[in-house]
Each structure stands twice: as C-alpha cells, then as structure tokens.
Amino acid sequence: MARTPEKNFLRAWREHRRLTQAKLAEVISLLESGERGLSDRWLRKLAPVLGTRPGHLLDVDPNDVDTDVLEIWANTPEAKRPQLIAVMNTFREDPPPAPFLEPEKPLRKPRAVNLKAIRREARPESSELTEKPKAGGAGKTPEGI
C-alpha cells in the first residue's frame, strides 16, 4: 500500500532561502564535521529522522553499540520504554542508582512541645482528688477509679 506523503514546507523554505539541495547537503556536512554546532533544535529535528534520541547524536557512536539494542529501542513505543529500561536493568551487574524521590509534602519544622502544659492537662484537678475521709463519712474518689 502506497504511503501518502506528509505535507510540509521544506522545499518552499529551502527555495525561499535560495538554497539548492546540494547547498542544504553542505549544511548537513558542516554539522557532521563539527564545523557548525548542533543546537538543541537541530538535535531534536534530526534524532527522530535517524531513529535515535537527541543525546545519542552527541554521545553514542552507533558502531560501538549492539545494533539489536538500538533497533529494539527505536521500535519500542515511547509509553513502553520505562518498562523496557526496567527489564534491561535486571541484567546489570552493578545496581542502577536509586531514583530521586521528592517528598509529597514539604517538610515542616516540628512544633515545639510544651511539656508543662501537657503535664497540667494530665494532672487531675484538685476536686477530682481523693479527699481524706471524715469521721463517719465517705471521701470523694476520682471517677472511673
């Protein structure tokens, strides 16, 4: 089944800038040779075309990496890549660094505890204390004792 080409304005922009395809190829050549720097914008545009990530264009020589891994990565949907990373991490000899976990709530300074107030609240009031029994009568006792 024939693929419908996506509409774009690449040719219009190239012609607007009065560049031939050969001249545009020279720009790519300058990027490859390092004579012209690869900006973030160039990296983000070129990486998907080359089936890789922007950072890999700067850090990874595809000739130094098993191409099976690159192909699997390139053909894995973005949503499933965390699962792929988790599976690959099970084969590591050195454990991966622990992920940084941010606290759910900002840490607060604990409130100062007023021990005197706590003791006062825990101490029974004088009317609740047992009074000495008077001759012939029963004294008051605290409730619940």
N, C-alpha and C. Protein backbone atom coordinates (compact mmCIF):
# COMPACT_ATOMS: atom_id res chain seq x y z
N MET A 1 0.84 -1.16 0.00
CA MET A 1 0.00 0.00 0.00
C MET A 1 0.89 1.24 0.00
N ALA A 2 0.61 2.15 -0.87
CA ALA A 2 1.42 3.36 -1.00
C ALA A 2 1.13 4.31 0.16
N ARG A 3 2.18 4.89 0.67
CA ARG A 3 2.06 5.82 1.79
C ARG A 3 1.79 7.22 1.25
N THR A 4 0.84 7.90 1.85
CA THR A 4 0.54 9.27 1.46
C THR A 4 1.60 10.17 2.08
N PRO A 5 2.29 10.95 1.27
CA PRO A 5 3.34 11.81 1.82
C PRO A 5 2.74 12.88 2.74
N GLU A 6 3.48 13.16 3.82
CA GLU A 6 3.06 14.21 4.73
C GLU A 6 3.35 15.56 4.12
N LYS A 7 2.42 16.47 4.29
CA LYS A 7 2.61 17.81 3.74
C LYS A 7 3.61 18.56 4.61
N ASN A 8 4.55 19.21 3.96
CA ASN A 8 5.50 20.07 4.67
C ASN A 8 5.95 21.17 3.73
N PHE A 9 6.68 22.09 4.28
CA PHE A 9 7.14 23.24 3.50
C PHE A 9 8.66 23.28 3.38
N LEU A 10 9.28 22.11 3.49
CA LEU A 10 10.74 22.05 3.43
C LEU A 10 11.26 22.64 2.11
N ARG A 11 10.70 22.20 1.01
CA ARG A 11 11.15 22.71 -0.29
C ARG A 11 10.92 24.22 -0.40
N ALA A 12 9.75 24.68 0.06
CA ALA A 12 9.45 26.11 -0.02
C ALA A 12 10.46 26.92 0.80
N TRP A 13 10.78 26.44 2.00
CA TRP A 13 11.75 27.15 2.83
C TRP A 13 13.14 27.11 2.22
N ARG A 14 13.51 25.94 1.69
CA ARG A 14 14.83 25.84 1.05
C ARG A 14 14.93 26.82 -0.11
N GLU A 15 13.87 26.86 -0.93
CA GLU A 15 13.89 27.79 -2.06
C GLU A 15 13.80 29.24 -1.60
N HIS A 16 13.02 29.51 -0.56
CA HIS A 16 12.91 30.85 0.00
C HIS A 16 14.29 31.36 0.44
N ARG A 17 15.07 30.48 1.01
CA ARG A 17 16.43 30.83 1.45
C ARG A 17 17.44 30.74 0.30
N ARG A 18 16.94 30.46 -0.86
CA ARG A 18 17.75 30.34 -2.09
C ARG A 18 18.86 29.28 -1.94
N LEU A 19 18.47 28.16 -1.35
CA LEU A 19 19.40 27.04 -1.21
C LEU A 19 19.03 25.94 -2.18
N THR A 20 20.03 25.36 -2.79
CA THR A 20 19.81 24.17 -3.61
C THR A 20 19.86 22.96 -2.68
N GLN A 21 19.45 21.81 -3.17
CA GLN A 21 19.56 20.60 -2.37
C GLN A 21 21.03 20.33 -2.03
N ALA A 22 21.91 20.63 -2.99
CA ALA A 22 23.35 20.43 -2.75
C ALA A 22 23.85 21.35 -1.64
N LYS A 23 23.38 22.61 -1.62
CA LYS A 23 23.81 23.56 -0.59
C LYS A 23 23.28 23.12 0.78
N LEU A 24 22.04 22.63 0.83
CA LEU A 24 21.48 22.14 2.08
C LEU A 24 22.29 20.93 2.57
N ALA A 25 22.71 20.10 1.63
CA ALA A 25 23.55 18.96 1.98
C ALA A 25 24.88 19.42 2.56
N GLU A 26 25.38 20.56 2.08
CA GLU A 26 26.62 21.12 2.65
C GLU A 26 26.42 21.50 4.11
N VAL A 27 25.23 22.05 4.44
CA VAL A 27 24.94 22.40 5.83
C VAL A 27 24.97 21.15 6.70
N ILE A 28 24.36 20.09 6.20
CA ILE A 28 24.38 18.82 6.93
C ILE A 28 25.83 18.35 7.08
N SER A 29 26.62 18.51 6.04
CA SER A 29 28.03 18.12 6.09
C SER A 29 28.78 18.92 7.16
N LEU A 30 28.50 20.22 7.25
CA LEU A 30 29.14 21.05 8.28
C LEU A 30 28.74 20.60 9.68
N LEU A 31 27.48 20.19 9.83
CA LEU A 31 27.02 19.68 11.12
C LEU A 31 27.75 18.38 11.46
N GLU A 32 27.87 17.49 10.48
CA GLU A 32 28.54 16.21 10.71
C GLU A 32 30.00 16.40 11.07
N SER A 33 30.66 17.33 10.41
CA SER A 33 32.09 17.53 10.65
C SER A 33 32.37 18.30 11.94
N GLY A 34 31.37 18.94 12.47
CA GLY A 34 31.56 19.72 13.69
C GLY A 34 31.93 21.17 13.42
N GLU A 35 32.03 21.54 12.16
CA GLU A 35 32.35 22.93 11.83
C GLU A 35 31.18 23.85 12.17
N ARG A 36 30.01 23.28 12.19
CA ARG A 36 28.82 24.02 12.64
C ARG A 36 28.23 23.24 13.80
N GLY A 37 27.94 23.94 14.90
CA GLY A 37 27.45 23.26 16.10
C GLY A 37 26.05 22.72 15.95
N LEU A 38 25.82 21.60 16.62
CA LEU A 38 24.49 21.00 16.65
C LEU A 38 23.71 21.63 17.80
N SER A 39 22.80 22.52 17.48
CA SER A 39 21.99 23.16 18.51
C SER A 39 20.93 22.16 19.00
N ASP A 40 20.30 22.51 20.11
CA ASP A 40 19.21 21.66 20.62
C ASP A 40 18.13 21.48 19.56
N ARG A 41 17.86 22.54 18.84
CA ARG A 41 16.82 22.48 17.81
C ARG A 41 17.20 21.48 16.71
N TRP A 42 18.45 21.55 16.24
CA TRP A 42 18.91 20.59 15.23
C TRP A 42 18.84 19.17 15.77
N LEU A 43 19.27 18.99 17.01
CA LEU A 43 19.27 17.66 17.61
C LEU A 43 17.85 17.10 17.68
N ARG A 44 16.90 17.92 18.11
CA ARG A 44 15.51 17.47 18.22
C ARG A 44 14.89 17.15 16.86
N LYS A 45 15.33 17.84 15.83
CA LYS A 45 14.78 17.59 14.49
C LYS A 45 15.43 16.39 13.81
N LEU A 46 16.73 16.24 14.00
CA LEU A 46 17.45 15.16 13.30
C LEU A 46 17.29 13.79 13.97
N ALA A 47 17.21 13.77 15.29
CA ALA A 47 17.18 12.49 16.02
C ALA A 47 16.04 11.58 15.56
N PRO A 48 14.80 12.05 15.47
CA PRO A 48 13.74 11.14 15.03
C PRO A 48 13.96 10.63 13.60
N VAL A 49 14.50 11.47 12.75
CA VAL A 49 14.77 11.06 11.36
C VAL A 49 15.79 9.93 11.35
N LEU A 50 16.75 9.99 12.27
CA LEU A 50 17.80 8.96 12.33
C LEU A 50 17.43 7.82 13.28
N GLY A 51 16.24 7.89 13.87
CA GLY A 51 15.76 6.81 14.73
C GLY A 51 16.52 6.70 16.03
N THR A 52 16.86 7.83 16.63
CA THR A 52 17.59 7.80 17.90
C THR A 52 17.11 8.96 18.77
N ARG A 53 17.80 9.17 19.87
CA ARG A 53 17.48 10.27 20.77
C ARG A 53 18.47 11.39 20.54
N PRO A 54 18.07 12.64 20.83
CA PRO A 54 18.98 13.77 20.61
C PRO A 54 20.33 13.61 21.31
N GLY A 55 20.34 13.16 22.54
CA GLY A 55 21.60 12.99 23.27
C GLY A 55 22.52 11.95 22.65
N HIS A 56 21.94 10.95 22.02
CA HIS A 56 22.76 9.92 21.39
C HIS A 56 23.56 10.47 20.21
N LEU A 57 23.02 11.49 19.56
CA LEU A 57 23.76 12.09 18.45
C LEU A 57 25.07 12.72 18.93
N LEU A 58 25.11 13.11 20.18
CA LEU A 58 26.32 13.71 20.74
C LEU A 58 27.21 12.70 21.46
N ASP A 59 26.61 11.68 22.07
CA ASP A 59 27.36 10.81 22.98
C ASP A 59 27.58 9.37 22.54
N VAL A 60 26.81 8.87 21.60
CA VAL A 60 26.85 7.44 21.28
C VAL A 60 27.21 7.22 19.82
N ASP A 61 28.30 6.48 19.60
CA ASP A 61 28.66 6.06 18.25
C ASP A 61 27.91 4.76 17.98
N PRO A 62 27.02 4.74 16.98
CA PRO A 62 26.24 3.52 16.74
C PRO A 62 27.11 2.31 16.40
N ASN A 63 28.34 2.55 15.97
CA ASN A 63 29.25 1.44 15.66
C ASN A 63 29.80 0.79 16.91
N ASP A 64 29.68 1.47 18.06
CA ASP A 64 30.18 0.93 19.32
C ASP A 64 29.08 0.25 20.13
N VAL A 65 27.87 0.24 19.63
CA VAL A 65 26.74 -0.32 20.36
C VAL A 65 26.12 -1.43 19.54
N ASP A 66 25.66 -2.46 20.24
CA ASP A 66 24.98 -3.56 19.55
C ASP A 66 23.74 -2.99 18.85
N THR A 67 23.66 -3.16 17.56
CA THR A 67 22.56 -2.57 16.80
C THR A 67 21.21 -3.18 17.16
N ASP A 68 21.21 -4.41 17.69
CA ASP A 68 19.94 -5.00 18.13
C ASP A 68 19.30 -4.15 19.21
N VAL A 69 20.12 -3.68 20.14
CA VAL A 69 19.60 -2.85 21.23
C VAL A 69 19.02 -1.55 20.66
N LEU A 70 19.74 -0.94 19.73
CA LEU A 70 19.24 0.30 19.13
C LEU A 70 17.94 0.08 18.37
N GLU A 71 17.84 -1.03 17.65
CA GLU A 71 16.63 -1.32 16.89
C GLU A 71 15.45 -1.58 17.82
N ILE A 72 15.70 -2.35 18.87
CA ILE A 72 14.62 -2.62 19.84
C ILE A 72 14.15 -1.30 20.45
N TRP A 73 15.11 -0.46 20.83
CA TRP A 73 14.75 0.83 21.44
C TRP A 73 13.95 1.69 20.45
N ALA A 74 14.42 1.79 19.23
CA ALA A 74 13.77 2.63 18.23
C ALA A 74 12.36 2.13 17.91
N ASN A 75 12.13 0.83 18.01
CA ASN A 75 10.83 0.27 17.67
C ASN A 75 9.92 0.08 18.88
N THR A 76 10.36 0.51 20.05
CA THR A 76 9.53 0.42 21.25
C THR A 76 8.75 1.72 21.40
N PRO A 77 7.43 1.63 21.55
CA PRO A 77 6.65 2.85 21.74
C PRO A 77 7.11 3.61 22.99
N GLU A 78 7.04 4.91 22.91
CA GLU A 78 7.50 5.79 24.00
C GLU A 78 6.89 5.39 25.34
N ALA A 79 5.61 5.03 25.34
CA ALA A 79 4.91 4.69 26.58
C ALA A 79 5.46 3.41 27.22
N LYS A 80 6.06 2.53 26.43
CA LYS A 80 6.57 1.26 26.96
C LYS A 80 8.06 1.30 27.27
N ARG A 81 8.73 2.39 27.00
CA ARG A 81 10.18 2.46 27.23
C ARG A 81 10.57 2.35 28.70
N PRO A 82 9.81 2.92 29.65
CA PRO A 82 10.17 2.70 31.05
C PRO A 82 10.18 1.21 31.42
N GLN A 83 9.24 0.45 30.89
CA GLN A 83 9.20 -0.98 31.15
C GLN A 83 10.43 -1.67 30.54
N LEU A 84 10.80 -1.26 29.33
CA LEU A 84 11.99 -1.81 28.68
C LEU A 84 13.24 -1.52 29.51
N ILE A 85 13.36 -0.31 30.02
CA ILE A 85 14.51 0.05 30.86
C ILE A 85 14.54 -0.81 32.12
N ALA A 86 13.36 -1.01 32.73
CA ALA A 86 13.29 -1.83 33.94
C ALA A 86 13.76 -3.25 33.67
N VAL A 87 13.34 -3.82 32.54
CA VAL A 87 13.76 -5.18 32.17
C VAL A 87 15.27 -5.21 31.94
N MET A 88 15.79 -4.24 31.20
CA MET A 88 17.23 -4.23 30.92
C MET A 88 18.04 -4.04 32.20
N ASN A 89 17.53 -3.27 33.15
CA ASN A 89 18.25 -3.06 34.42
C ASN A 89 18.39 -4.35 35.23
N THR A 90 17.52 -5.33 35.00
CA THR A 90 17.64 -6.59 35.74
C THR A 90 18.90 -7.35 35.34
N PHE A 91 19.49 -7.02 34.19
CA PHE A 91 20.69 -7.71 33.71
C PHE A 91 21.97 -7.00 34.12
N ARG A 92 21.86 -5.86 34.78
CA ARG A 92 23.06 -5.11 35.18
C ARG A 92 23.79 -5.81 36.30
N GLU A 93 25.10 -5.76 36.24
CA GLU A 93 25.90 -6.32 37.32
C GLU A 93 26.01 -5.34 38.48
N ASP A 94 26.06 -4.06 38.16
CA ASP A 94 26.08 -3.04 39.21
C ASP A 94 24.68 -2.46 39.28
N PRO A 95 24.13 -2.29 40.48
CA PRO A 95 22.77 -1.79 40.58
C PRO A 95 22.68 -0.35 40.09
N PRO A 96 21.57 -0.01 39.44
CA PRO A 96 21.40 1.37 38.98
C PRO A 96 21.23 2.28 40.19
N PRO A 97 21.53 3.55 40.04
CA PRO A 97 21.35 4.46 41.17
C PRO A 97 19.87 4.53 41.54
N ALA A 98 19.63 4.70 42.83
CA ALA A 98 18.25 4.81 43.31
C ALA A 98 17.63 6.08 42.75
N PRO A 99 16.38 5.99 42.35
CA PRO A 99 15.73 7.20 41.82
C PRO A 99 15.54 8.22 42.92
N PHE A 100 15.61 9.47 42.54
CA PHE A 100 15.40 10.55 43.49
C PHE A 100 13.91 10.68 43.73
N LEU A 101 13.52 10.57 44.98
CA LEU A 101 12.11 10.69 45.31
C LEU A 101 11.88 12.01 46.02
N GLU A 102 11.00 12.79 45.48
CA GLU A 102 10.67 14.06 46.11
C GLU A 102 9.60 13.81 47.15
N PRO A 103 9.68 14.49 48.28
CA PRO A 103 8.65 14.30 49.29
C PRO A 103 7.31 14.80 48.77
N GLU A 104 6.24 14.12 49.20
CA GLU A 104 4.91 14.53 48.75
C GLU A 104 4.54 15.91 49.29
N LYS A 105 4.87 16.13 50.54
CA LYS A 105 4.59 17.43 51.15
C LYS A 105 5.91 18.04 51.58
N PRO A 106 5.99 19.35 51.57
CA PRO A 106 7.23 19.97 52.04
C PRO A 106 7.44 19.64 53.52
N LEU A 107 8.68 19.41 53.85
CA LEU A 107 9.00 19.11 55.24
C LEU A 107 8.79 20.36 56.08
N ARG A 108 8.14 20.16 57.23
CA ARG A 108 7.90 21.29 58.13
C ARG A 108 8.69 21.09 59.40
N LYS A 109 9.04 22.20 60.00
CA LYS A 109 9.74 22.15 61.27
C LYS A 109 8.74 21.68 62.32
N PRO A 110 9.11 20.69 63.14
CA PRO A 110 8.16 20.21 64.14
C PRO A 110 7.83 21.32 65.14
N ARG A 111 6.59 21.30 65.61
CA ARG A 111 6.18 22.29 66.60
C ARG A 111 6.88 22.02 67.91
N ALA A 112 7.15 23.09 68.63
CA ALA A 112 7.75 22.94 69.96
C ALA A 112 6.71 22.35 70.90
N VAL A 113 7.13 21.42 71.72
CA VAL A 113 6.22 20.77 72.65
C VAL A 113 6.33 21.46 73.99
N ASN A 114 5.20 21.85 74.52
CA ASN A 114 5.15 22.49 75.83
C ASN A 114 4.86 21.41 76.86
N LEU A 115 5.92 20.89 77.48
CA LEU A 115 5.76 19.79 78.42
C LEU A 115 4.98 20.20 79.66
N LYS A 116 5.12 21.44 80.10
CA LYS A 116 4.39 21.90 81.28
C LYS A 116 2.89 21.84 81.03
N ALA A 117 2.46 22.28 79.85
CA ALA A 117 1.04 22.25 79.53
C ALA A 117 0.53 20.81 79.45
N ILE A 118 1.34 19.92 78.92
CA ILE A 118 0.93 18.51 78.83
C ILE A 118 0.79 17.93 80.22
N ARG A 119 1.73 18.24 81.09
CA ARG A 119 1.66 17.72 82.47
C ARG A 119 0.43 18.27 83.18
N ARG A 120 0.14 19.58 82.98
CA ARG A 120 -1.03 20.18 83.63
C ARG A 120 -2.31 19.49 83.17
N GLU A 121 -2.38 19.20 81.85
CA GLU A 121 -3.57 18.55 81.32
C GLU A 121 -3.71 17.12 81.84
N ALA A 122 -2.60 16.46 82.05
CA ALA A 122 -2.64 15.07 82.52
C ALA A 122 -2.90 14.99 84.02
N ARG A 123 -2.61 16.04 84.77
CA ARG A 123 -2.79 16.05 86.21
C ARG A 123 -4.27 16.24 86.53
N PRO A 124 -4.83 15.41 87.44
CA PRO A 124 -6.23 15.58 87.80
C PRO A 124 -6.43 16.88 88.59
N GLU A 125 -7.58 17.47 88.43
CA GLU A 125 -7.88 18.71 89.15
C GLU A 125 -8.05 18.39 90.63
N SER A 126 -7.90 19.41 91.47
CA SER A 126 -7.95 19.20 92.92
C SER A 126 -9.29 18.66 93.38
N SER A 127 -10.41 19.00 92.70
CA SER A 127 -11.72 18.48 93.11
C SER A 127 -11.85 17.00 92.77
N GLU A 128 -11.05 16.55 91.84
CA GLU A 128 -11.11 15.14 91.45
C GLU A 128 -10.25 14.28 92.35
N LEU A 129 -9.38 14.89 93.13
CA LEU A 129 -8.50 14.11 94.00
C LEU A 129 -9.28 13.52 95.16
N THR A 130 -8.78 12.42 95.63
CA THR A 130 -9.41 11.78 96.78
C THR A 130 -9.18 12.63 98.00
N GLU A 131 -10.28 12.94 98.69
CA GLU A 131 -10.15 13.68 99.94
C GLU A 131 -10.08 12.68 101.06
N LYS A 132 -9.43 13.08 102.12
CA LYS A 132 -9.36 12.19 103.27
C LYS A 132 -10.75 12.04 103.84
N PRO A 133 -11.14 10.82 104.10
CA PRO A 133 -12.47 10.63 104.64
C PRO A 133 -12.60 11.27 106.02
N LYS A 134 -13.73 11.91 106.26
CA LYS A 134 -14.01 12.50 107.56
C LYS A 134 -14.66 11.41 108.40
N ALA A 135 -14.58 11.63 109.61
CA ALA A 135 -15.15 10.63 110.52
C ALA A 135 -16.62 10.41 110.20
N GLY A 136 -16.95 9.16 109.92
CA GLY A 136 -18.31 8.78 109.68
C GLY A 136 -18.77 9.05 108.24
N GLY A 137 -17.95 9.56 107.36
CA GLY A 137 -18.40 9.81 106.00
C GLY A 137 -17.42 9.29 104.96
N ALA A 138 -17.89 9.09 103.80
CA ALA A 138 -17.03 8.61 102.73
C ALA A 138 -16.41 9.78 102.02
N GLY A 139 -15.19 9.63 101.59
CA GLY A 139 -14.49 10.70 100.87
C GLY A 139 -14.82 10.66 99.39
N LYS A 140 -14.45 11.72 98.68
CA LYS A 140 -14.66 11.74 97.25
C LYS A 140 -13.54 10.93 96.56
N THR A 141 -13.92 10.23 95.55
CA THR A 141 -12.92 9.49 94.77
C THR A 141 -13.02 9.93 93.32
N PRO A 142 -11.91 9.87 92.62
CA PRO A 142 -11.99 10.26 91.21
C PRO A 142 -12.89 9.30 90.44
N GLU A 143 -13.55 9.83 89.45
CA GLU A 143 -14.42 8.98 88.63
C GLU A 143 -13.61 7.98 87.87
N GLY A 144 -14.15 6.82 87.75
CA GLY A 144 -13.51 5.79 86.96
C GLY A 144 -12.45 5.02 87.70
N ILE A 145 -12.20 5.30 88.98
CA ILE A 145 -11.19 4.53 89.72
C ILE A 145 -11.88 3.54 90.60
